[in-house]
PDB file of N, CA and C in Angstrom:
ATOM      1  N   MET A   1       1.122  -0.765  -0.202  1.00  0.00           N
ATOM      2  CA  MET A   1      -0.111   0.068  -0.184  1.00  0.00           C
ATOM      3  C   MET A   1       1.072   1.165  -0.220  1.00  0.00           C
ATOM      4  N   ILE A   2       2.185   1.608   1.043  1.00  0.00           N
ATOM      5  CA  ILE A   2       2.721   1.927   1.025  1.00  0.00           C
ATOM      6  C   ILE A   2       3.957   2.570  -0.709  1.00  0.00           C
ATOM      7  N   ARG A   3       3.398   1.649  -0.823  1.00  0.00           N
ATOM      8  CA  ARG A   3       4.406   1.780  -2.184  1.00  0.00           C
ATOM      9  C   ARG A   3       3.799   2.570  -3.025  1.00  0.00           C
ATOM     10  N   ILE A   4       1.988   1.879  -3.472  1.00  0.00           N
ATOM     11  CA  ILE A   4       1.323   2.781  -4.203  1.00  0.00           C
ATOM     12  C   ILE A   4       1.146   4.292  -4.357  1.00  0.00           C
ATOM     13  N   LEU A   5       1.009   4.509  -2.914  1.00  0.00           N
ATOM     14  CA  LEU A   5       1.760   5.963  -2.549  1.00  0.00           C
ATOM     15  C   LEU A   5       2.182   6.666  -2.800  1.00  0.00           C
ATOM     16  N   ILE A   6       3.279   5.721  -2.351  1.00  0.00           N
ATOM     17  CA  ILE A   6       4.869   6.875  -2.527  1.00  0.00           C
ATOM     18  C   ILE A   6       4.639   6.728  -4.102  1.00  0.00           C
ATOM     19  N   ILE A   7       4.875   6.021  -5.455  1.00  0.00           N
ATOM     20  CA  ILE A   7       4.463   6.296  -6.690  1.00  0.00           C
ATOM     21  C   ILE A   7       3.464   7.223  -6.846  1.00  0.00           C
ATOM     22  N   LEU A   8       2.169   7.199  -6.671  1.00  0.00           N
ATOM     23  CA  LEU A   8       1.486   8.330  -6.440  1.00  0.00           C
ATOM     24  C   LEU A   8       2.108  10.183  -6.325  1.00  0.00           C
ATOM     25  N   PHE A   9       3.055   9.931  -5.333  1.00  0.00           N
ATOM     26  CA  PHE A   9       3.189  10.969  -5.193  1.00  0.00           C
ATOM     27  C   PHE A   9       4.256  11.256  -5.460  1.00  0.00           C
ATOM     28  N   ALA A  10       5.395  10.393  -6.472  1.00  0.00           N
ATOM     29  CA  ALA A  10       6.231  10.823  -7.455  1.00  0.00           C
ATOM     30  C   ALA A  10       5.757  11.211  -8.338  1.00  0.00           C
ATOM     31  N   LEU A  11       5.188  11.335  -9.120  1.00  0.00           N
ATOM     32  CA  LEU A  11       3.883  11.233 -10.274  1.00  0.00           C
ATOM     33  C   LEU A  11       3.871  12.526 -10.192  1.00  0.00           C
ATOM     34  N   LEU A  12       2.789  12.796  -8.845  1.00  0.00           N
ATOM     35  CA  LEU A  12       2.575  14.291  -9.272  1.00  0.00           C
ATOM     36  C   LEU A  12       3.540  14.961  -8.862  1.00  0.00           C
ATOM     37  N   LEU A  13       5.299  15.182  -8.057  1.00  0.00           N
ATOM     38  CA  LEU A  13       6.187  15.729  -8.451  1.00  0.00           C
ATOM     39  C   LEU A  13       6.783  15.598  -9.792  1.00  0.00           C
ATOM     40  N   LEU A  14       6.875  14.658 -10.429  1.00  0.00           N
ATOM     41  CA  LEU A  14       7.256  14.599 -11.683  1.00  0.00           C
ATOM     42  C   LEU A  14       6.073  15.962 -12.793  1.00  0.00           C
ATOM     43  N   PHE A  15       4.804  15.356 -12.451  1.00  0.00           N
ATOM     44  CA  PHE A  15       3.657  16.760 -12.953  1.00  0.00           C
ATOM     45  C   PHE A  15       3.973  18.171 -12.855  1.00  0.00           C
ATOM     46  N   LEU A  16       4.444  17.774 -11.767  1.00  0.00           N
ATOM     47  CA  LEU A  16       4.619  19.726 -11.035  1.00  0.00           C
ATOM     48  C   LEU A  16       6.199  19.707 -11.985  1.00  0.00           C
ATOM     49  N   SER A  17       7.167  19.511 -11.959  1.00  0.00           N
ATOM     50  CA  SER A  17       7.935  19.613 -12.636  1.00  0.00           C
ATOM     51  C   SER A  17       8.199  19.931 -14.303  1.00  0.00           C
ATOM     52  N   TYR A  18       6.920  18.872 -14.640  1.00  0.00           N
ATOM     53  CA  TYR A  18       6.462  19.114 -16.208  1.00  0.00           C
ATOM     54  C   TYR A  18       6.215  21.079 -15.899  1.00  0.00           C
ATOM     55  N   VAL A  19       5.012  21.350 -15.680  1.00  0.00           N
ATOM     56  CA  VAL A  19       4.495  22.185 -15.232  1.00  0.00           C
ATOM     57  C   VAL A  19       5.377  23.472 -14.907  1.00  0.00           C
ATOM     58  N   LEU A  20       6.158  23.382 -14.447  1.00  0.00           N
ATOM     59  CA  LEU A  20       7.329  24.396 -13.889  1.00  0.00           C
ATOM     60  C   LEU A  20       8.973  24.318 -15.184  1.00  0.00           C
ATOM     61  N   LEU A  21       8.796  23.157 -15.567  1.00  0.00           N
ATOM     62  CA  LEU A  21       9.924  23.775 -16.634  1.00  0.00           C
ATOM     63  C   LEU A  21       9.187  23.713 -18.051  1.00  0.00           C
ATOM     64  N   LYS A  22       7.765  23.062 -18.486  1.00  0.00           N
ATOM     65  CA  LYS A  22       7.982  23.201 -19.706  1.00  0.00           C
ATOM     66  C   LYS A  22       6.207  24.244 -19.511  1.00  0.00           C
ATOM     67  N   LYS A  23       5.628  24.570 -19.167  1.00  0.00           N
ATOM     68  CA  LYS A  23       4.297  25.564 -18.568  1.00  0.00           C
ATOM     69  C   LYS A  23       5.405  26.662 -17.939  1.00  0.00           C
ATOM     70  N   PRO A  24       5.719  27.591 -17.824  1.00  0.00           N
ATOM     71  CA  PRO A  24       5.884  28.110 -16.462  1.00  0.00           C
ATOM     72  C   PRO A  24       5.367  29.683 -17.131  1.00  0.00           C
ATOM     73  N   GLN A  25       4.919  29.999 -18.178  1.00  0.00           N
ATOM     74  CA  GLN A  25       4.067  30.924 -18.559  1.00  0.00           C
ATOM     75  C   GLN A  25       2.577  30.881 -17.271  1.00  0.00           C
ATOM     76  N   LEU A  26       2.267  29.730 -17.142  1.00  0.00           N
ATOM     77  CA  LEU A  26       0.927  29.806 -16.030  1.00  0.00           C
ATOM     78  C   LEU A  26       1.274  30.554 -14.865  1.00  0.00           C
ATOM     79  N   LEU A  27       2.790  30.658 -14.339  1.00  0.00           N
ATOM     80  CA  LEU A  27       2.460  31.246 -13.178  1.00  0.00           C
ATOM     81  C   LEU A  27       2.955  32.696 -13.407  1.00  0.00           C
ATOM     82  N   THR A  28       3.452  32.870 -14.461  1.00  0.00           N
ATOM     83  CA  THR A  28       3.638  34.673 -14.899  1.00  0.00           C
ATOM     84  C   THR A  28       3.115  36.074 -14.795  1.00  0.00           C
ATOM     85  N   PRO A  29       1.860  35.240 -15.052  1.00  0.00           N
ATOM     86  CA  PRO A  29       1.186  36.480 -14.288  1.00  0.00           C
ATOM     87  C   PRO A  29       0.961  36.964 -12.733  1.00  0.00           C
ATOM     88  N   LEU A  30       1.245  35.937 -11.762  1.00  0.00           N
ATOM     89  CA  LEU A  30       1.563  35.993 -10.571  1.00  0.00           C
ATOM     90  C   LEU A  30       2.594  36.268  -9.812  1.00  0.00           C
ATOM     91  N   LEU A  31       3.649  36.430 -11.058  1.00  0.00           N
ATOM     92  CA  LEU A  31       5.108  37.118 -10.431  1.00  0.00           C
ATOM     93  C   LEU A  31       5.504  38.618 -10.579  1.00  0.00           C
ATOM     94  N   GLU A  32       6.321  38.896  -9.419  1.00  0.00           N
ATOM     95  CA  GLU A  32       5.818  40.666 -10.024  1.00  0.00           C
ATOM     96  C   GLU A  32       7.202  40.826 -11.171  1.00  0.00           C
ATOM     97  N   GLN A  33       8.024  40.041 -10.959  1.00  0.00           N
ATOM     98  CA  GLN A  33       9.744  39.827 -12.310  1.00  0.00           C
ATOM     99  C   GLN A  33       9.763  39.081 -12.773  1.00  0.00           C
ATOM    100  N   LYS A  34       9.751  39.170 -14.062  1.00  0.00           N
ATOM    101  CA  LYS A  34       9.871  38.054 -15.044  1.00  0.00           C
ATOM    102  C   LYS A  34      11.550  37.339 -14.684  1.00  0.00           C
ATOM    103  N   GLU A  35      12.632  38.045 -14.471  1.00  0.00           N
ATOM    104  CA  GLU A  35      13.369  37.023 -13.396  1.00  0.00           C
ATOM    105  C   GLU A  35      13.493  36.643 -12.461  1.00  0.00           C
ATOM    106  N   ASP A  36      12.192  36.289 -12.555  1.00  0.00           N
ATOM    107  CA  ASP A  36      11.894  35.119 -11.432  1.00  0.00           C
ATOM    108  C   ASP A  36      11.723  33.743 -11.784  1.00  0.00           C
ATOM    109  N   LEU A  37      11.760  34.389 -12.713  1.00  0.00           N
ATOM    110  CA  LEU A  37      11.516  32.215 -14.174  1.00  0.00           C
ATOM    111  C   LEU A  37      12.447  31.464 -13.557  1.00  0.00           C
ATOM    112  N   SER A  38      13.586  31.964 -12.531  1.00  0.00           N
ATOM    113  CA  SER A  38      14.652  31.669 -12.971  1.00  0.00           C
ATOM    114  C   SER A  38      14.605  30.062 -11.701  1.00  0.00           C
ATOM    115  N   PHE A  39      13.926  30.698 -11.118  1.00  0.00           N
ATOM    116  CA  PHE A  39      13.452  29.619  -9.271  1.00  0.00           C
ATOM    117  C   PHE A  39      12.899  28.787 -10.161  1.00  0.00           C
ATOM    118  N   LEU A  40      11.606  29.359 -10.711  1.00  0.00           N
ATOM    119  CA  LEU A  40      10.770  28.108 -11.738  1.00  0.00           C
ATOM    120  C   LEU A  40      11.502  27.126 -11.602  1.00  0.00           C
ATOM    121  N   ASN A  41      12.699  27.162 -12.932  1.00  0.00           N
ATOM    122  CA  ASN A  41      13.480  26.562 -13.074  1.00  0.00           C
ATOM    123  C   ASN A  41      14.040  25.310 -12.375  1.00  0.00           C
ATOM    124  N   THR A  42      14.244  26.276 -11.557  1.00  0.00           N
ATOM    125  CA  THR A  42      15.490  25.536 -10.689  1.00  0.00           C
ATOM    126  C   THR A  42      14.453  24.393 -10.175  1.00  0.00           C
ATOM    127  N   TYR A  43      13.629  25.052  -9.294  1.00  0.00           N
ATOM    128  CA  TYR A  43      12.879  24.062  -8.542  1.00  0.00           C
ATOM    129  C   TYR A  43      12.165  23.051  -9.133  1.00  0.00           C
ATOM    130  N   GLY A  44      12.097  23.271 -10.934  1.00  0.00           N
ATOM    131  CA  GLY A  44      11.293  22.103 -11.627  1.00  0.00           C
ATOM    132  C   GLY A  44      12.157  21.181 -11.849  1.00  0.00           C
ATOM    133  N   GLN A  45      13.854  21.154 -11.778  1.00  0.00           N
ATOM    134  CA  GLN A  45      14.595  20.051 -12.213  1.00  0.00           C
ATOM    135  C   GLN A  45      15.170  19.506 -10.616  1.00  0.00           C
ATOM    136  N   LEU A  46      14.029  20.213  -9.493  1.00  0.00           N
ATOM    137  CA  LEU A  46      14.259  19.185  -7.865  1.00  0.00           C
ATOM    138  C   LEU A  46      13.376  18.950  -8.071  1.00  0.00           C
ATOM    139  N   TYR A  47      12.120  18.902  -8.845  1.00  0.00           N
ATOM    140  CA  TYR A  47      10.996  18.022  -8.336  1.00  0.00           C
ATOM    141  C   TYR A  47      11.371  17.002  -9.103  1.00  0.00           C
ATOM    142  N   LEU A  48      11.711  16.438 -10.362  1.00  0.00           N
ATOM    143  CA  LEU A  48      11.993  15.986 -11.727  1.00  0.00           C
ATOM    144  C   LEU A  48      13.089  15.259 -11.098  1.00  0.00           C
ATOM    145  N   ALA A  49      14.299  15.424  -9.892  1.00  0.00           N
ATOM    146  CA  ALA A  49      14.704  14.290  -9.546  1.00  0.00           C
ATOM    147  C   ALA A  49      14.426  13.717  -8.853  1.00  0.00           C
ATOM    148  N   PHE A  50      12.935  14.084  -7.468  1.00  0.00           N
ATOM    149  CA  PHE A  50      12.430  13.561  -6.195  1.00  0.00           C
ATOM    150  C   PHE A  50      11.548  12.814  -7.156  1.00  0.00           C
ATOM    151  N   GLY A  51      11.132  12.941  -7.898  1.00  0.00           N
ATOM    152  CA  GLY A  51      10.088  12.278  -9.086  1.00  0.00           C
ATOM    153  C   GLY A  51      10.536  10.869  -9.069  1.00  0.00           C
ATOM    154  N   ILE A  52      11.920  10.928  -9.692  1.00  0.00           N
ATOM    155  CA  ILE A  52      12.838   9.839  -9.926  1.00  0.00           C
ATOM    156  C   ILE A  52      13.095   9.202  -8.996  1.00  0.00           C
ATOM    157  N   LEU A  53      13.689  10.071  -7.606  1.00  0.00           N
ATOM    158  CA  LEU A  53      14.260   9.307  -6.415  1.00  0.00           C
ATOM    159  C   LEU A  53      12.636   8.696  -5.765  1.00  0.00           C
ATOM    160  N   GLY A  54      11.771   8.796  -6.322  1.00  0.00           N
ATOM    161  CA  GLY A  54      10.405   8.476  -5.505  1.00  0.00           C
ATOM    162  C   GLY A  54      10.344   6.868  -6.333  1.00  0.00           C
ATOM    163  N   PHE A  55      10.017   7.077  -7.015  1.00  0.00           N
ATOM    164  CA  PHE A  55      10.628   5.586  -7.971  1.00  0.00           C
ATOM    165  C   PHE A  55      11.576   4.542  -7.194  1.00  0.00           C
ATOM    166  N   ILE A  56      12.661   5.090  -7.144  1.00  0.00           N
ATOM    167  CA  ILE A  56      13.847   4.463  -6.443  1.00  0.00           C
ATOM    168  C   ILE A  56      13.228   3.879  -4.944  1.00  0.00           C
ATOM    169  N   ALA A  57      13.392   5.474  -4.227  1.00  0.00           N
ATOM    170  CA  ALA A  57      12.334   4.384  -2.816  1.00  0.00           C
ATOM    171  C   ALA A  57      11.164   3.813  -3.319  1.00  0.00           C
ATOM    172  N   ALA A  58      10.705   3.530  -3.743  1.00  0.00           N
ATOM    173  CA  ALA A  58       9.724   2.357  -3.991  1.00  0.00           C
ATOM    174  C   ALA A  58      10.151   1.166  -3.857  1.00  0.00           C
ATOM    175  N   ALA A  59      10.912   1.649  -5.020  1.00  0.00           N
ATOM    176  CA  ALA A  59      11.539  -0.131  -5.460  1.00  0.00           C
ATOM    177  C   ALA A  59      12.478  -0.678  -4.389  1.00  0.00           C
ATOM    178  N   VAL A  60      12.992   0.069  -3.498  1.00  0.00           N
ATOM    179  CA  VAL A  60      13.860  -0.480  -1.932  1.00  0.00           C
ATOM    180  C   VAL A  60      12.799  -0.813  -1.548  1.00  0.00           C
ATOM    181  N   ASN A  61      11.611  -0.462  -0.826  1.00  0.00           N
ATOM    182  CA  ASN A  61      10.312  -0.331  -0.065  1.00  0.00           C
ATOM    183  C   ASN A  61      11.384  -0.761   1.340  1.00  0.00           C
ATOM    184  N   LEU A  62      12.285   0.287   1.572  1.00  0.00           N
ATOM    185  CA  LEU A  62      12.850   0.713   2.913  1.00  0.00           C
ATOM    186  C   LEU A  62      12.009   1.309   4.040  1.00  0.00           C
ATOM    187  N   LYS A  63      11.219   0.968   5.182  1.00  0.00           N
ATOM    188  CA  LYS A  63      10.279   2.210   5.559  1.00  0.00           C
ATOM    189  C   LYS A  63      11.590   3.401   5.800  1.00  0.00           C
ATOM    190  N   ILE A  64      12.532   3.297   6.541  1.00  0.00           N
ATOM    191  CA  ILE A  64      13.198   4.552   6.627  1.00  0.00           C
ATOM    192  C   ILE A  64      13.489   5.631   5.986  1.00  0.00           C
ATOM    193  N   ILE A  65      14.187   4.562   4.512  1.00  0.00           N
ATOM    194  CA  ILE A  65      13.934   5.262   3.372  1.00  0.00           C
ATOM    195  C   ILE A  65      13.047   6.373   2.536  1.00  0.00           C
ATOM    196  N   ILE A  66      11.649   5.639   2.714  1.00  0.00           N
ATOM    197  CA  ILE A  66      10.589   6.094   2.432  1.00  0.00           C
ATOM    198  C   ILE A  66      10.537   7.406   2.958  1.00  0.00           C
ATOM    199  N   LEU A  67      10.009   7.127   4.523  1.00  0.00           N
ATOM    200  CA  LEU A  67       9.817   8.541   5.503  1.00  0.00           C
ATOM    201  C   LEU A  67      11.285   9.527   5.112  1.00  0.00           C
ATOM    202  N   PHE A  68      12.414   8.658   5.116  1.00  0.00           N
ATOM    203  CA  PHE A  68      13.129  10.048   4.762  1.00  0.00           C
ATOM    204  C   PHE A  68      12.920  10.677   3.621  1.00  0.00           C
ATOM    205  N   TYR A  69      12.664   9.953   2.312  1.00  0.00           N
ATOM    206  CA  TYR A  69      12.352  10.635   0.918  1.00  0.00           C
ATOM    207  C   TYR A  69      11.139  11.302   1.137  1.00  0.00           C
ATOM    208  N   ILE A  70      10.137  11.333   1.991  1.00  0.00           N
ATOM    209  CA  ILE A  70       9.006  12.325   2.147  1.00  0.00           C
ATOM    210  C   ILE A  70       9.555  13.428   2.635  1.00  0.00           C
ATOM    211  N   PHE A  71       9.974  13.254   3.892  1.00  0.00           N
ATOM    212  CA  PHE A  71      10.596  14.349   4.985  1.00  0.00           C
ATOM    213  C   PHE A  71      11.132  15.599   3.600  1.00  0.00           C
ATOM    214  N   LEU A  72      12.245  15.100   3.423  1.00  0.00           N
ATOM    215  CA  LEU A  72      12.807  15.782   1.868  1.00  0.00           C
ATOM    216  C   LEU A  72      11.824  16.534   1.199  1.00  0.00           C
ATOM    217  N   ALA A  73      11.191  15.639   0.526  1.00  0.00           N
ATOM    218  CA  ALA A  73      10.049  15.615  -0.143  1.00  0.00           C
ATOM    219  C   ALA A  73       8.720  17.273   0.036  1.00  0.00           C
ATOM    220  N   LEU A  74       8.431  17.797   1.609  1.00  0.00           N
ATOM    221  CA  LEU A  74       7.669  18.235   2.166  1.00  0.00           C
ATOM    222  C   LEU A  74       8.685  19.390   2.395  1.00  0.00           C
ATOM    223  N   VAL A  75       9.754  19.676   3.122  1.00  0.00           N
ATOM    224  CA  VAL A  75      10.689  19.932   2.838  1.00  0.00           C
ATOM    225  C   VAL A  75      11.343  21.247   1.558  1.00  0.00           C
ATOM    226  N   LEU A  76      11.261  20.420   0.423  1.00  0.00           N
ATOM    227  CA  LEU A  76      11.327  20.993  -0.670  1.00  0.00           C
ATOM    228  C   LEU A  76       9.912  22.024  -0.995  1.00  0.00           C
ATOM    229  N   ALA A  77       9.075  20.910  -1.052  1.00  0.00           N
ATOM    230  CA  ALA A  77       7.520  21.966  -1.303  1.00  0.00           C
ATOM    231  C   ALA A  77       7.057  22.576  -0.597  1.00  0.00           C
ATOM    232  N   ALA A  78       7.738  22.936   0.821  1.00  0.00           N
ATOM    233  CA  ALA A  78       7.375  24.085   1.690  1.00  0.00           C
ATOM    234  C   ALA A  78       8.915  25.378   1.115  1.00  0.00           C
ATOM    235  N   LEU A  79      10.402  25.032   0.916  1.00  0.00           N
ATOM    236  CA  LEU A  79      10.467  25.985   0.659  1.00  0.00           C
ATOM    237  C   LEU A  79      10.299  26.822  -1.298  1.00  0.00           C
ATOM    238  N   PHE A  80       9.951  26.288  -1.496  1.00  0.00           N
ATOM    239  CA  PHE A  80       9.293  26.902  -2.826  1.00  0.00           C
ATOM    240  C   PHE A  80       7.964  26.640  -2.678  1.00  0.00           C
ATOM    241  N   SER A  81       7.389  27.136  -1.597  1.00  0.00           N
ATOM    242  CA  SER A  81       6.040  27.539  -1.318  1.00  0.00           C
ATOM    243  C   SER A  81       6.064  29.064  -0.767  1.00  0.00           C
ATOM    244  N   LEU A  82       7.482  28.940  -0.238  1.00  0.00           N
ATOM    245  CA  LEU A  82       7.671  30.153   0.723  1.00  0.00           C
ATOM    246  C   LEU A  82       8.447  31.520  -0.632  1.00  0.00           C
ATOM    247  N   LYS A  83       9.266  30.251  -1.228  1.00  0.00           N
ATOM    248  CA  LYS A  83       9.746  31.391  -2.648  1.00  0.00           C
ATOM    249  C   LYS A  83       8.859  32.225  -3.023  1.00  0.00           C
ATOM    250  N   LEU A  84       7.876  31.503  -3.658  1.00  0.00           N
ATOM    251  CA  LEU A  84       6.581  31.834  -4.481  1.00  0.00           C
ATOM    252  C   LEU A  84       6.186  32.922  -3.718  1.00  0.00           C
ATOM    253  N   ALA A  85       5.647  32.609  -2.657  1.00  0.00           N
ATOM    254  CA  ALA A  85       5.427  33.525  -1.904  1.00  0.00           C
ATOM    255  C   ALA A  85       4.906  34.950  -1.916  1.00  0.00           C
ATOM    256  N   LYS A  86       6.831  34.706  -1.417  1.00  0.00           N
ATOM    257  CA  LYS A  86       7.834  35.884  -1.455  1.00  0.00           C
ATOM    258  C   LYS A  86       7.690  36.740  -2.607  1.00  0.00           C
ATOM    259  N   SER A  87       8.014  36.125  -3.801  1.00  0.00           N
ATOM    260  CA  SER A  87       8.305  36.887  -5.280  1.00  0.00           C
ATOM    261  C   SER A  87       6.935  36.960  -6.134  1.00  0.00           C
ATOM    262  N   LEU A  88       5.272  36.868  -5.105  1.00  0.00           N
ATOM    263  CA  LEU A  88       4.152  37.125  -5.869  1.00  0.00           C
ATOM    264  C   LEU A  88       4.246  38.631  -5.420  1.00  0.00           C
ATOM    265  N   LYS A  89       3.544  38.956  -7.079  1.00  0.00           N
ATOM    266  CA  LYS A  89       2.528  40.394  -7.063  1.00  0.00           C
ATOM    267  C   LYS A  89       2.206  40.676  -5.287  1.00  0.00           C
ATOM    268  N   LYS A  90       2.375  42.209  -4.672  1.00  0.00           N
ATOM    269  CA  LYS A  90       1.501  42.787  -3.994  1.00  0.00           C
ATOM    270  C   LYS A  90       0.008  43.215  -4.084  1.00  0.00           C
TER     271      LYS A  90
END
């Protein structure tokens, strides 16, 4: 059961990576400056890496590795949220 959830989480991260890397114009109306697009590319690449790591964590199927993966992915999501909130138009 946990493997299925990790795979779904990894697929979600891969989808977010695709949106950030290939369709950043979806978020550009929200951003103040156009040079803020570089952080979208950076986080898109990080989400891609974490999506791939999710499949590896699901294949290994060790509880400590899966928990560490979830922890790191949530920290990454929190950092992205803070950075996005900081660069939003006021």
